[in-house]
Amino acid sequence: MGQAQAVLGDLPSEKRQNYSDLVSALEERFAPSSQTELYRVQFKERRQRASESLPELGQSIRRLSNLAYPTAPLDVRETLGKEQFIDALVDSEMRLRIKQSRPKGLNDAVRLAVELEAYNKAENKVREGRGYLRQTLNDDEFDREEKITKSDSPTKDIASWMQTMEKSLSTLTTEMAKLKTSGTNVGSSYAKTRYTQSKRTNKGCYNCGKFGHLARDCRLPRRNQNNYNGNKGDGSVKTLMKTRKQNNRKTNEGASYNSI
């Protein structure tokens, strides 16, 4: 409005009241006939900008269409604007769908583009949600498998510990059986030895008549065979005592004889 007011202020007072003079002044300022070719080049090269919305693109193409073809009929400018709007779109899939829909003019093309953009945004959100859900499910599955693996680890450790304990118990049982067998043999040998020693102890010596050893182990001089045979007896305590008394008597008699 500021530039239009400036144009209006530059006009003489008599031309401000004339509609034709106002239109001519505004066209000369904003759409000079000498720049028609420049507007046509801008119209054909117009493309959608990164941050530009679809309605803004449609409005810009409409303005360039009116500037590039000021004398063309309205339906012609609508057709040219529609085709240029479709070609200016960045999304190739959107361009194809709008062409398949056969819009009648620029307004129809802009309306279809806005609808398709809304559908695409909604579909992308659904896909992102599915991807997030799939990722969440995969993470949950991984966590569940990891938990199962971790829960199996103590069971495996317990099983391994039980096997080790069974082996140790089996080894201990075998060692105890060996010790038991060895102890039985030692005890039997010890009892046999004690029995033999007891028999030797209970029998007296036929040579000297003392207990604790046999005649073959006696350290005293051997008596004559006749005395030995006569005193042999049955080896009982009674016989040995009798033999000892006889030996003592003989010893005493020998001592008395020597003193005389």
Protein backbone atom coordinates (compact mmCIF):
# COMPACT_ATOMS: atom_id res chain seq x y z
CA MET A 1 0.00 0.00 0.00
CA GLY A 2 2.91 2.39 0.65
CA GLN A 3 4.18 2.20 -2.93
CA ALA A 4 0.66 2.56 -4.36
CA GLN A 5 0.06 5.64 -2.20
CA ALA A 6 3.37 7.07 -3.42
CA VAL A 7 2.20 6.58 -7.03
CA LEU A 8 -1.14 8.21 -6.17
CA GLY A 9 0.67 11.16 -4.54
CA ASP A 10 2.79 11.71 -7.65
CA LEU A 11 -0.28 12.03 -9.92
CA PRO A 12 -1.76 15.45 -10.66
CA SER A 13 -4.97 16.23 -8.82
CA GLU A 14 -7.07 16.07 -11.98
CA LYS A 15 -5.85 12.50 -12.82
CA ARG A 16 -6.52 11.16 -9.32
CA GLN A 17 -10.26 11.26 -10.01
CA ASN A 18 -9.95 9.41 -13.36
CA TYR A 19 -10.03 5.59 -13.13
CA SER A 20 -8.20 5.03 -16.40
CA ASP A 21 -5.41 7.35 -15.39
CA LEU A 22 -5.07 5.57 -12.03
CA VAL A 23 -4.87 2.12 -13.70
CA SER A 24 -2.33 3.32 -16.22
CA ALA A 25 -0.16 4.86 -13.50
CA LEU A 26 -0.28 1.73 -11.37
CA GLU A 27 0.47 -0.53 -14.34
CA GLU A 28 3.37 1.66 -15.31
CA ARG A 29 4.70 1.42 -11.77
CA PHE A 30 4.09 -2.22 -10.97
CA ALA A 31 3.65 -3.90 -14.39
CA PRO A 32 5.38 -1.93 -17.09
CA SER A 33 4.99 -3.32 -20.58
CA SER A 34 8.75 -3.20 -21.03
CA GLN A 35 9.20 -5.85 -18.30
CA THR A 36 6.69 -8.37 -19.64
CA GLU A 37 9.40 -10.60 -21.04
CA LEU A 38 11.24 -10.53 -17.70
CA TYR A 39 8.09 -11.65 -15.87
CA ARG A 40 7.58 -14.48 -18.33
CA VAL A 41 11.11 -15.75 -17.64
CA GLN A 42 10.49 -15.56 -13.88
CA PHE A 43 7.14 -17.30 -14.34
CA LYS A 44 8.65 -20.26 -16.23
CA GLU A 45 11.59 -20.62 -13.84
CA ARG A 46 9.54 -20.40 -10.67
CA ARG A 47 10.14 -23.34 -8.29
CA GLN A 48 8.98 -24.13 -4.78
CA ARG A 49 11.33 -22.84 -2.08
CA ALA A 50 12.36 -24.92 0.93
CA SER A 51 10.32 -22.99 3.51
CA GLU A 52 7.50 -21.97 1.18
CA SER A 53 4.00 -23.34 1.70
CA LEU A 54 1.82 -24.56 -1.17
CA PRO A 55 -0.69 -21.68 -0.93
CA GLU A 56 2.18 -19.17 -0.99
CA LEU A 57 3.59 -20.84 -4.11
CA GLY A 58 0.19 -20.72 -5.81
CA GLN A 59 -0.25 -17.03 -5.00
CA SER A 60 3.22 -16.17 -6.35
CA ILE A 61 2.59 -18.06 -9.60
CA ARG A 62 -0.76 -16.31 -10.04
CA ARG A 63 0.90 -12.91 -9.69
CA LEU A 64 3.66 -13.80 -12.19
CA SER A 65 1.05 -15.16 -14.59
CA ASN A 66 -0.85 -11.88 -14.54
CA LEU A 67 2.38 -9.92 -15.01
CA ALA A 68 3.75 -12.15 -17.77
CA TYR A 69 0.46 -12.35 -19.73
CA PRO A 70 -1.49 -9.22 -18.87
CA THR A 71 -3.54 -9.25 -22.07
CA ALA A 72 -4.37 -12.99 -22.07
CA PRO A 73 -7.90 -14.15 -21.13
CA LEU A 74 -8.51 -15.30 -17.55
CA ASP A 75 -9.01 -18.99 -18.44
CA VAL A 76 -5.70 -18.96 -20.34
CA ARG A 77 -3.87 -17.44 -17.38
CA GLU A 78 -5.49 -20.06 -15.09
CA THR A 79 -4.33 -22.91 -17.31
CA LEU A 80 -0.80 -21.53 -17.57
CA GLY A 81 -0.67 -20.95 -13.81
CA LYS A 82 -1.97 -24.50 -13.11
CA GLU A 83 0.68 -26.14 -15.27
CA GLN A 84 3.47 -23.99 -13.86
CA PHE A 85 2.33 -24.69 -10.31
CA ILE A 86 2.49 -28.47 -10.88
CA ASP A 87 5.94 -28.20 -12.46
CA ALA A 88 7.17 -26.06 -9.57
CA LEU A 89 6.41 -28.74 -6.95
CA VAL A 90 9.40 -30.50 -5.37
CA ASP A 91 7.64 -33.82 -4.66
CA SER A 92 7.55 -35.85 -7.88
CA GLU A 93 4.90 -38.23 -6.52
CA MET A 94 2.67 -35.28 -5.69
CA ARG A 95 3.12 -33.89 -9.20
CA LEU A 96 2.06 -37.21 -10.72
CA ARG A 97 -1.04 -37.54 -8.55
CA ILE A 98 -2.19 -33.97 -9.25
CA LYS A 99 -1.83 -34.53 -13.00
CA GLN A 100 -3.82 -37.76 -12.72
CA SER A 101 -6.57 -35.85 -10.89
CA ARG A 102 -6.92 -33.43 -13.86
CA PRO A 103 -7.54 -30.14 -11.98
CA LYS A 104 -9.51 -27.48 -13.89
CA GLY A 105 -7.46 -24.49 -12.83
CA LEU A 106 -4.80 -23.15 -10.53
CA ASN A 107 -7.10 -23.12 -7.51
CA ASP A 108 -7.97 -26.82 -7.97
CA ALA A 109 -4.28 -27.69 -8.31
CA VAL A 110 -3.42 -25.83 -5.10
CA ARG A 111 -6.30 -27.52 -3.23
CA LEU A 112 -5.21 -31.03 -4.36
CA ALA A 113 -1.60 -30.30 -3.42
CA VAL A 114 -2.60 -29.19 0.10
CA GLU A 115 -4.72 -32.35 0.58
CA LEU A 116 -1.95 -34.66 -0.62
CA GLU A 117 0.55 -32.91 1.64
CA ALA A 118 -1.73 -33.48 4.64
CA TYR A 119 -2.17 -37.17 3.70
CA ASN A 120 1.58 -37.63 3.34
CA LYS A 121 2.27 -36.07 6.74
CA ALA A 122 -0.31 -38.31 8.38
CA GLU A 123 1.11 -41.40 6.66
CA ASN A 124 4.64 -40.49 7.72
CA LYS A 125 3.50 -40.19 11.33
CA VAL A 126 1.86 -43.62 11.10
CA ARG A 127 5.04 -45.10 9.64
CA GLU A 128 7.15 -43.49 12.32
CA GLY A 129 4.80 -44.87 14.95
CA ARG A 130 5.02 -48.34 13.44
CA GLY A 131 8.77 -48.08 13.25
CA TYR A 132 8.94 -46.96 16.87
CA LEU A 133 6.57 -49.76 17.88
CA ARG A 134 8.62 -52.29 15.92
CA GLN A 135 11.81 -51.01 17.49
CA THR A 136 10.18 -51.14 20.93
CA LEU A 137 9.03 -54.71 20.31
CA ASN A 138 12.50 -55.67 19.14
CA ASP A 139 14.04 -54.04 22.20
CA ASP A 140 11.54 -55.81 24.46
CA GLU A 141 12.29 -59.11 22.76
CA PHE A 142 16.01 -58.51 23.15
CA ASP A 143 15.57 -57.57 26.81
CA ARG A 144 13.42 -60.66 27.38
CA GLU A 145 15.99 -62.93 25.76
CA GLU A 146 18.75 -61.26 27.76
CA LYS A 147 16.77 -61.75 30.97
CA ILE A 148 16.17 -65.40 30.08
CA THR A 149 19.88 -65.83 29.40
CA LYS A 150 20.75 -64.18 32.69
CA SER A 151 18.17 -66.29 34.54
CA ASP A 152 19.62 -69.43 32.96
CA SER A 153 23.11 -68.55 34.12
CA PRO A 154 22.45 -69.23 37.85
CA THR A 155 20.75 -72.50 36.90
CA LYS A 156 23.77 -73.53 34.87
CA ASP A 157 26.06 -72.51 37.72
CA ILE A 158 24.03 -74.57 40.18
CA ALA A 159 24.06 -77.57 37.84
CA SER A 160 27.83 -77.28 37.43
CA TRP A 161 28.24 -76.95 41.20
CA MET A 162 26.08 -80.05 41.75
CA GLN A 163 28.17 -82.05 39.29
CA THR A 164 31.34 -80.97 41.08
CA MET A 165 29.86 -81.93 44.43
CA GLU A 166 28.79 -85.32 43.09
CA LYS A 167 32.29 -85.99 41.79
CA SER A 168 33.83 -84.92 45.10
CA LEU A 169 31.38 -87.11 47.03
CA SER A 170 32.12 -90.08 44.79
CA THR A 171 35.87 -89.59 45.27
CA LEU A 172 35.42 -89.26 49.03
CA THR A 173 33.31 -92.43 49.16
CA THR A 174 35.96 -94.35 47.24
CA GLU A 175 38.72 -93.09 49.54
CA MET A 176 36.70 -94.01 52.63
CA ALA A 177 36.11 -97.52 51.27
CA LYS A 178 39.84 -97.91 50.68
CA LEU A 179 40.61 -96.68 54.18
CA LYS A 180 38.02 -99.02 55.64
CA THR A 181 39.51 -102.01 53.81
CA SER A 182 43.03 -101.00 54.81
CA GLY A 183 41.96 -100.48 58.42
CA THR A 184 40.33 -103.92 58.54
CA ASN A 185 43.50 -105.57 57.27
CA VAL A 186 45.68 -103.66 59.71
CA GLY A 187 43.36 -104.47 62.58
CA SER A 188 43.30 -108.14 61.68
CA SER A 189 47.10 -108.27 61.44
CA TYR A 190 47.44 -106.38 64.70
CA ALA A 191 44.98 -108.73 66.44
CA LYS A 192 46.80 -111.75 65.08
CA THR A 193 50.12 -110.39 66.32
CA ARG A 194 48.66 -109.62 69.71
CA TYR A 195 47.18 -113.09 69.89
CA THR A 196 50.52 -114.69 69.05
CA GLN A 197 52.28 -112.54 71.62
CA SER A 198 49.61 -113.41 74.18
CA LYS A 199 50.09 -117.11 73.55
CA ARG A 200 53.81 -116.70 73.97
CA THR A 201 53.33 -114.72 77.15
CA ASN A 202 50.92 -117.17 78.75
CA LYS A 203 53.29 -120.12 78.14
CA GLY A 204 56.39 -120.47 80.29
CA CYS A 205 59.93 -121.28 79.30
CA TYR A 206 60.78 -125.01 79.66
CA ASN A 207 64.43 -124.13 80.21
CA CYS A 208 64.20 -121.66 83.09
CA GLY A 209 60.56 -121.94 84.06
CA LYS A 210 59.85 -118.20 83.65
CA PHE A 211 56.97 -116.65 81.75
CA GLY A 212 57.22 -114.26 78.85
CA HIS A 213 59.28 -116.28 76.42
CA LEU A 214 59.74 -119.76 75.07
CA ALA A 215 62.58 -122.19 75.61
CA ARG A 216 64.09 -121.52 72.19
CA ASP A 217 64.34 -117.85 73.07
CA CYS A 218 65.74 -118.40 76.55
CA ARG A 219 69.12 -116.76 77.24
CA LEU A 220 70.08 -119.03 80.14
CA PRO A 221 72.30 -122.08 79.58
CA ARG A 222 70.52 -125.09 78.30
CA ARG A 223 69.64 -127.81 80.80
CA ASN A 224 70.34 -131.44 79.96
CA GLN A 225 67.91 -133.22 77.72
CA ASN A 226 66.70 -135.61 80.39
CA ASN A 227 65.63 -132.84 82.73
CA TYR A 228 64.13 -130.96 79.88
CA ASN A 229 62.13 -133.96 78.71
CA GLY A 230 61.14 -134.85 82.24
CA ASN A 231 59.92 -131.38 82.99
CA LYS A 232 58.41 -130.73 79.69
CA GLY A 233 54.91 -131.48 80.84
CA ASP A 234 51.98 -129.84 79.22
CA GLY A 235 53.27 -126.26 79.52
CA SER A 236 50.56 -125.27 81.93
CA VAL A 237 51.04 -122.84 84.78
CA LYS A 238 50.80 -125.65 87.35
CA THR A 239 53.52 -127.69 85.65
CA LEU A 240 55.76 -124.64 85.28
CA MET A 241 55.38 -123.75 88.93
CA LYS A 242 56.26 -127.32 89.86
CA THR A 243 59.32 -127.20 87.62
CA ARG A 244 60.40 -123.90 89.14
CA LYS A 245 60.16 -125.33 92.68
CA GLN A 246 62.21 -128.37 91.69
CA ASN A 247 64.86 -126.11 90.12
CA ASN A 248 65.00 -123.93 93.19
CA ARG A 249 65.31 -126.96 95.46
CA LYS A 250 68.16 -128.33 93.41
CA THR A 251 69.86 -124.96 93.50
CA ASN A 252 69.54 -124.77 97.31
CA GLU A 253 70.84 -128.30 97.76
CA GLY A 254 73.85 -127.44 95.60
CA ALA A 255 74.55 -124.39 97.69
CA SER A 256 74.37 -126.37 100.99
CA TYR A 257 76.72 -128.98 99.64
CA ASN A 258 79.26 -126.39 98.64
CA SER A 259 79.18 -124.80 102.09
CA ILE A 260 80.03 -128.14 103.79
